């Protein structure tokens, strides 16, 4: 995601959706301002306005 920091301006309405399989656990390493929000049993979202990526995003999927 840090390559997005080279863009001319921030992302006005950034939204990242992560979906996991029902038999998986998921773990996030997110350093942005937006919070990871669970929107369903298997779906998570991060939303930010005027987002300028400065760190890469890590996510781990672990089988139960």
PDB file of N, CA and C in Angstrom:
ATOM      1  N   UNK A   1       0.801  -1.184   0.000  1.00  0.00           N
ATOM      2  CA  UNK A   1       0.000   0.000   0.000  1.00  0.00           C
ATOM      3  C   UNK A   1       0.853   1.260   0.000  1.00  0.00           C
ATOM      4  N   UNK A   2       2.096   1.162   0.410  1.00  0.00           N
ATOM      5  CA  UNK A   2       2.921   2.368   0.492  1.00  0.00           C
ATOM      6  C   UNK A   2       3.170   2.984  -0.878  1.00  0.00           C
ATOM      7  N   UNK A   3       3.030   2.215  -1.952  1.00  0.00           N
ATOM      8  CA  UNK A   3       3.195   2.809  -3.280  1.00  0.00           C
ATOM      9  C   UNK A   3       2.143   3.878  -3.522  1.00  0.00           C
ATOM     10  N   UNK A   4       1.007   3.795  -2.844  1.00  0.00           N
ATOM     11  CA  UNK A   4      -0.030   4.817  -2.957  1.00  0.00           C
ATOM     12  C   UNK A   4       0.405   6.149  -2.391  1.00  0.00           C
ATOM     13  N   UNK A   5       1.432   6.159  -1.560  1.00  0.00           N
ATOM     14  CA  UNK A   5       1.941   7.414  -1.001  1.00  0.00           C
ATOM     15  C   UNK A   5       2.593   8.274  -2.080  1.00  0.00           C
ATOM     16  N   UNK A   6       2.881   7.683  -3.229  1.00  0.00           N
ATOM     17  CA  UNK A   6       3.486   8.424  -4.336  1.00  0.00           C
ATOM     18  C   UNK A   6       2.448   9.130  -5.199  1.00  0.00           C
ATOM     19  N   UNK A   7       1.177   8.949  -4.914  1.00  0.00           N
ATOM     20  CA  UNK A   7       0.125   9.596  -5.688  1.00  0.00           C
ATOM     21  C   UNK A   7       0.144  11.090  -5.418  1.00  0.00           C
ATOM     22  N   UNK A   8      -0.472  11.857  -6.275  1.00  0.00           N
ATOM     23  CA  UNK A   8      -0.465  13.315  -6.161  1.00  0.00           C
ATOM     24  C   UNK A   8      -1.220  13.828  -4.939  1.00  0.00           C
ATOM     25  N   UNK A   9      -2.236  13.076  -4.512  1.00  0.00           N
ATOM     26  CA  UNK A   9      -3.032  13.528  -3.368  1.00  0.00           C
ATOM     27  C   UNK A   9      -3.587  12.328  -2.612  1.00  0.00           C
ATOM     28  N   UNK A  10      -4.088  12.535  -1.390  1.00  0.00           N
ATOM     29  CA  UNK A  10      -4.645  11.432  -0.598  1.00  0.00           C
ATOM     30  C   UNK A  10      -5.879  10.814  -1.258  1.00  0.00           C
ATOM     31  N   UNK A  11      -6.211   9.610  -0.834  1.00  0.00           N
ATOM     32  CA  UNK A  11      -7.429   8.932  -1.288  1.00  0.00           C
ATOM     33  C   UNK A  11      -8.582   9.537  -0.496  1.00  0.00           C
ATOM     34  N   UNK A  12      -9.511  10.173  -1.175  1.00  0.00           N
ATOM     35  CA  UNK A  12     -10.596  10.902  -0.503  1.00  0.00           C
ATOM     36  C   UNK A  12     -11.443   9.988   0.380  1.00  0.00           C
ATOM     37  N   UNK A  13     -11.875   8.857  -0.153  1.00  0.00           N
ATOM     38  CA  UNK A  13     -12.725   7.918   0.595  1.00  0.00           C
ATOM     39  C   UNK A  13     -12.170   6.512   0.440  1.00  0.00           C
ATOM     40  N   UNK A  14     -11.230   6.153   1.289  1.00  0.00           N
ATOM     41  CA  UNK A  14     -10.581   4.843   1.256  1.00  0.00           C
ATOM     42  C   UNK A  14     -11.441   3.826   2.003  1.00  0.00           C
ATOM     43  N   UNK A  15     -11.613   2.649   1.393  1.00  0.00           N
ATOM     44  CA  UNK A  15     -12.341   1.552   2.044  1.00  0.00           C
ATOM     45  C   UNK A  15     -11.637   0.247   1.681  1.00  0.00           C
ATOM     46  N   UNK A  16     -11.273  -0.511   2.702  1.00  0.00           N
ATOM     47  CA  UNK A  16     -10.646  -1.816   2.517  1.00  0.00           C
ATOM     48  C   UNK A  16     -11.551  -2.855   3.143  1.00  0.00           C
ATOM     49  N   UNK A  17     -11.910  -3.878   2.382  1.00  0.00           N
ATOM     50  CA  UNK A  17     -12.766  -4.955   2.874  1.00  0.00           C
ATOM     51  C   UNK A  17     -11.965  -6.248   2.874  1.00  0.00           C
ATOM     52  N   UNK A  18     -11.991  -6.953   4.002  1.00  0.00           N
ATOM     53  CA  UNK A  18     -11.316  -8.249   4.138  1.00  0.00           C
ATOM     54  C   UNK A  18     -12.373  -9.271   4.509  1.00  0.00           C
ATOM     55  N   UNK A  19     -12.418 -10.352   3.743  1.00  0.00           N
ATOM     56  CA  UNK A  19     -13.373 -11.416   4.012  1.00  0.00           C
ATOM     57  C   UNK A  19     -12.609 -12.694   4.330  1.00  0.00           C
ATOM     58  N   UNK A  20     -13.037 -13.371   5.382  1.00  0.00           N
ATOM     59  CA  UNK A  20     -12.380 -14.616   5.778  1.00  0.00           C
ATOM     60  C   UNK A  20     -13.337 -15.781   5.576  1.00  0.00           C
ATOM     61  N   UNK A  21     -12.779 -16.960   5.498  1.00  0.00           N
ATOM     62  CA  UNK A  21     -13.567 -18.184   5.434  1.00  0.00           C
ATOM     63  C   UNK A  21     -14.119 -18.466   6.834  1.00  0.00           C
ATOM     64  N   UNK A  22     -15.296 -19.057   6.955  1.00  0.00           N
ATOM     65  CA  UNK A  22     -15.862 -19.330   8.283  1.00  0.00           C
ATOM     66  C   UNK A  22     -14.979 -20.186   9.188  1.00  0.00           C
ATOM     67  N   UNK A  23     -14.098 -20.999   8.612  1.00  0.00           N
ATOM     68  CA  UNK A  23     -13.233 -21.851   9.442  1.00  0.00           C
ATOM     69  C   UNK A  23     -11.851 -21.228   9.664  1.00  0.00           C
ATOM     70  N   UNK A  24     -11.741 -19.911   9.491  1.00  0.00           N
ATOM     71  CA  UNK A  24     -10.475 -19.212   9.703  1.00  0.00           C
ATOM     72  C   UNK A  24     -10.619 -18.140  10.783  1.00  0.00           C
ATOM     73  N   UNK A  25      -9.501 -17.845  11.408  1.00  0.00           N
ATOM     74  CA  UNK A  25      -9.371 -16.664  12.256  1.00  0.00           C
ATOM     75  C   UNK A  25      -8.574 -15.653  11.442  1.00  0.00           C
ATOM     76  N   UNK A  26      -8.738 -14.381  11.743  1.00  0.00           N
ATOM     77  CA  UNK A  26      -8.007 -13.358  11.002  1.00  0.00           C
ATOM     78  C   UNK A  26      -7.385 -12.378  11.997  1.00  0.00           C
ATOM     79  N   UNK A  27      -6.171 -11.935  11.680  1.00  0.00           N
ATOM     80  CA  UNK A  27      -5.459 -10.983  12.530  1.00  0.00           C
ATOM     81  C   UNK A  27      -4.914  -9.865  11.649  1.00  0.00           C
ATOM     82  N   UNK A  28      -5.030  -8.612  12.125  1.00  0.00           N
ATOM     83  CA  UNK A  28      -4.628  -7.453  11.343  1.00  0.00           C
ATOM     84  C   UNK A  28      -3.464  -6.721  11.995  1.00  0.00           C
ATOM     85  N   UNK A  29      -2.604  -6.153  11.172  1.00  0.00           N
ATOM     86  CA  UNK A  29      -1.588  -5.208  11.620  1.00  0.00           C
ATOM     87  C   UNK A  29      -1.828  -3.945  10.802  1.00  0.00           C
ATOM     88  N   UNK A  30      -2.554  -2.999  11.384  1.00  0.00           N
ATOM     89  CA  UNK A  30      -2.997  -1.792  10.692  1.00  0.00           C
ATOM     90  C   UNK A  30      -2.559  -0.574  11.491  1.00  0.00           C
ATOM     91  N   UNK A  31      -1.807   0.318  10.874  1.00  0.00           N
ATOM     92  CA  UNK A  31      -1.296   1.505  11.559  1.00  0.00           C
ATOM     93  C   UNK A  31      -2.014   2.779  11.129  1.00  0.00           C
ATOM     94  N   UNK A  32      -3.096   2.647  10.392  1.00  0.00           N
ATOM     95  CA  UNK A  32      -3.830   3.822   9.937  1.00  0.00           C
ATOM     96  C   UNK A  32      -4.713   4.409  11.023  1.00  0.00           C
ATOM     97  N   UNK A  33      -5.398   5.501  10.694  1.00  0.00           N
ATOM     98  CA  UNK A  33      -6.281   6.171  11.643  1.00  0.00           C
ATOM     99  C   UNK A  33      -7.610   5.446  11.786  1.00  0.00           C
ATOM    100  N   UNK A  34      -8.079   4.838  10.696  1.00  0.00           N
ATOM    101  CA  UNK A  34      -9.350   4.120  10.728  1.00  0.00           C
ATOM    102  C   UNK A  34      -9.247   2.848  11.550  1.00  0.00           C
ATOM    103  N   UNK A  35     -10.338   2.478  12.165  1.00  0.00           N
ATOM    104  CA  UNK A  35     -10.384   1.259  12.979  1.00  0.00           C
ATOM    105  C   UNK A  35     -10.886   0.095  12.132  1.00  0.00           C
ATOM    106  N   UNK A  36     -10.409  -1.107  12.443  1.00  0.00           N
ATOM    107  CA  UNK A  36     -10.921  -2.313  11.804  1.00  0.00           C
ATOM    108  C   UNK A  36     -12.287  -2.591  12.423  1.00  0.00           C
ATOM    109  N   UNK A  37     -13.312  -2.656  11.579  1.00  0.00           N
ATOM    110  CA  UNK A  37     -14.679  -2.865  12.054  1.00  0.00           C
ATOM    111  C   UNK A  37     -15.213  -4.185  11.504  1.00  0.00           C
ATOM    112  N   UNK A  38     -15.763  -5.009  12.388  1.00  0.00           N
ATOM    113  CA  UNK A  38     -16.384  -6.264  11.974  1.00  0.00           C
ATOM    114  C   UNK A  38     -17.799  -5.941  11.503  1.00  0.00           C
ATOM    115  N   UNK A  39     -18.084  -6.185  10.224  1.00  0.00           N
ATOM    116  CA  UNK A  39     -19.398  -5.846   9.671  1.00  0.00           C
ATOM    117  C   UNK A  39     -20.303  -7.061   9.500  1.00  0.00           C
ATOM    118  N   UNK A  40     -19.726  -8.257   9.570  1.00  0.00           N
ATOM    119  CA  UNK A  40     -20.500  -9.505   9.580  1.00  0.00           C
ATOM    120  C   UNK A  40     -19.616 -10.576  10.211  1.00  0.00           C
ATOM    121  N   UNK A  41     -20.114 -11.794  10.273  1.00  0.00           N
ATOM    122  CA  UNK A  41     -19.352 -12.882  10.898  1.00  0.00           C
ATOM    123  C   UNK A  41     -18.027 -13.151  10.183  1.00  0.00           C
ATOM    124  N   UNK A  42     -17.955 -12.816   8.895  1.00  0.00           N
ATOM    125  CA  UNK A  42     -16.756 -13.124   8.118  1.00  0.00           C
ATOM    126  C   UNK A  42     -16.159 -11.923   7.384  1.00  0.00           C
ATOM    127  N   UNK A  43     -16.697 -10.732   7.590  1.00  0.00           N
ATOM    128  CA  UNK A  43     -16.261  -9.560   6.832  1.00  0.00           C
ATOM    129  C   UNK A  43     -15.831  -8.428   7.763  1.00  0.00           C
ATOM    130  N   UNK A  44     -14.705  -7.804   7.418  1.00  0.00           N
ATOM    131  CA  UNK A  44     -14.147  -6.691   8.178  1.00  0.00           C
ATOM    132  C   UNK A  44     -13.879  -5.534   7.223  1.00  0.00           C
ATOM    133  N   UNK A  45     -14.023  -4.304   7.723  1.00  0.00           N
ATOM    134  CA  UNK A  45     -13.787  -3.124   6.896  1.00  0.00           C
ATOM    135  C   UNK A  45     -12.940  -2.095   7.641  1.00  0.00           C
ATOM    136  N   UNK A  46     -12.184  -1.369   6.853  1.00  0.00           N
ATOM    137  CA  UNK A  46     -11.460  -0.204   7.347  1.00  0.00           C
ATOM    138  C   UNK A  46     -11.834   0.940   6.418  1.00  0.00           C
ATOM    139  N   UNK A  47     -12.240   2.071   7.003  1.00  0.00           N
ATOM    140  CA  UNK A  47     -12.580   3.257   6.219  1.00  0.00           C
ATOM    141  C   UNK A  47     -11.795   4.449   6.753  1.00  0.00           C
ATOM    142  N   UNK A  48     -11.304   5.262   5.824  1.00  0.00           N
ATOM    143  CA  UNK A  48     -10.610   6.502   6.189  1.00  0.00           C
ATOM    144  C   UNK A  48     -10.901   7.551   5.130  1.00  0.00           C
ATOM    145  N   UNK A  49     -10.946   8.795   5.550  1.00  0.00           N
ATOM    146  CA  UNK A  49     -11.042   9.894   4.597  1.00  0.00           C
ATOM    147  C   UNK A  49      -9.668  10.540   4.472  1.00  0.00           C
ATOM    148  N   UNK A  50      -9.378  11.013   3.283  1.00  0.00           N
ATOM    149  CA  UNK A  50      -8.078  11.636   2.983  1.00  0.00           C
ATOM    150  C   UNK A  50      -6.916  10.743   3.413  1.00  0.00           C
ATOM    151  N   UNK A  51      -6.997   9.489   3.009  1.00  0.00           N
ATOM    152  CA  UNK A  51      -6.021   8.467   3.392  1.00  0.00           C
ATOM    153  C   UNK A  51      -4.749   8.587   2.560  1.00  0.00           C
ATOM    154  N   UNK A  52      -3.627   8.659   3.249  1.00  0.00           N
ATOM    155  CA  UNK A  52      -2.315   8.652   2.611  1.00  0.00           C
ATOM    156  C   UNK A  52      -1.539   7.475   3.197  1.00  0.00           C
ATOM    157  N   UNK A  53      -1.367   6.384   2.436  1.00  0.00           N
ATOM    158  CA  UNK A  53      -0.698   5.204   2.983  1.00  0.00           C
ATOM    159  C   UNK A  53       0.776   5.472   3.286  1.00  0.00           C
ATOM    160  N   UNK A  54       1.158   5.175   4.520  1.00  0.00           N
ATOM    161  CA  UNK A  54       2.555   5.337   4.933  1.00  0.00           C
ATOM    162  C   UNK A  54       3.176   4.011   5.361  1.00  0.00           C
ATOM    163  N   UNK A  55       2.350   2.998   5.588  1.00  0.00           N
ATOM    164  CA  UNK A  55       2.815   1.665   5.984  1.00  0.00           C
ATOM    165  C   UNK A  55       2.062   0.620   5.174  1.00  0.00           C
ATOM    166  N   UNK A  56       2.692  -0.520   4.980  1.00  0.00           N
ATOM    167  CA  UNK A  56       1.988  -1.634   4.357  1.00  0.00           C
ATOM    168  C   UNK A  56       1.033  -2.249   5.368  1.00  0.00           C
ATOM    169  N   UNK A  57       0.049  -2.934   4.867  1.00  0.00           N
ATOM    170  CA  UNK A  57      -0.995  -3.558   5.670  1.00  0.00           C
ATOM    171  C   UNK A  57      -0.728  -5.056   5.705  1.00  0.00           C
ATOM    172  N   UNK A  58      -0.721  -5.641   6.904  1.00  0.00           N
ATOM    173  CA  UNK A  58      -0.519  -7.083   7.047  1.00  0.00           C
ATOM    174  C   UNK A  58      -1.782  -7.718   7.595  1.00  0.00           C
ATOM    175  N   UNK A  59      -2.126  -8.860   7.036  1.00  0.00           N
ATOM    176  CA  UNK A  59      -3.266  -9.628   7.535  1.00  0.00           C
ATOM    177  C   UNK A  59      -2.866 -11.101   7.513  1.00  0.00           C
ATOM    178  N   UNK A  60      -3.227 -11.814   8.576  1.00  0.00           N
ATOM    179  CA  UNK A  60      -2.914 -13.246   8.668  1.00  0.00           C
ATOM    180  C   UNK A  60      -4.217 -14.022   8.784  1.00  0.00           C
ATOM    181  N   UNK A  61      -4.337 -15.060   7.999  1.00  0.00           N
ATOM    182  CA  UNK A  61      -5.479 -15.964   8.066  1.00  0.00           C
ATOM    183  C   UNK A  61      -4.993 -17.262   8.697  1.00  0.00           C
ATOM    184  N   UNK A  62      -5.637 -17.681   9.783  1.00  0.00           N
ATOM    185  CA  UNK A  62      -5.218 -18.857  10.538  1.00  0.00           C
ATOM    186  C   UNK A  62      -6.355 -19.867  10.545  1.00  0.00           C
ATOM    187  N   UNK A  63      -6.048 -21.093  10.161  1.00  0.00           N
ATOM    188  CA  UNK A  63      -7.060 -22.155  10.177  1.00  0.00           C
ATOM    189  C   UNK A  63      -7.381 -22.526  11.616  1.00  0.00           C
ATOM    190  N   UNK A  64      -8.671 -22.687  11.920  1.00  0.00           N
ATOM    191  CA  UNK A  64      -9.095 -23.084  13.272  1.00  0.00           C
ATOM    192  C   UNK A  64      -8.732 -24.528  13.528  1.00  0.00           C
TER     193      UNK A  64
END
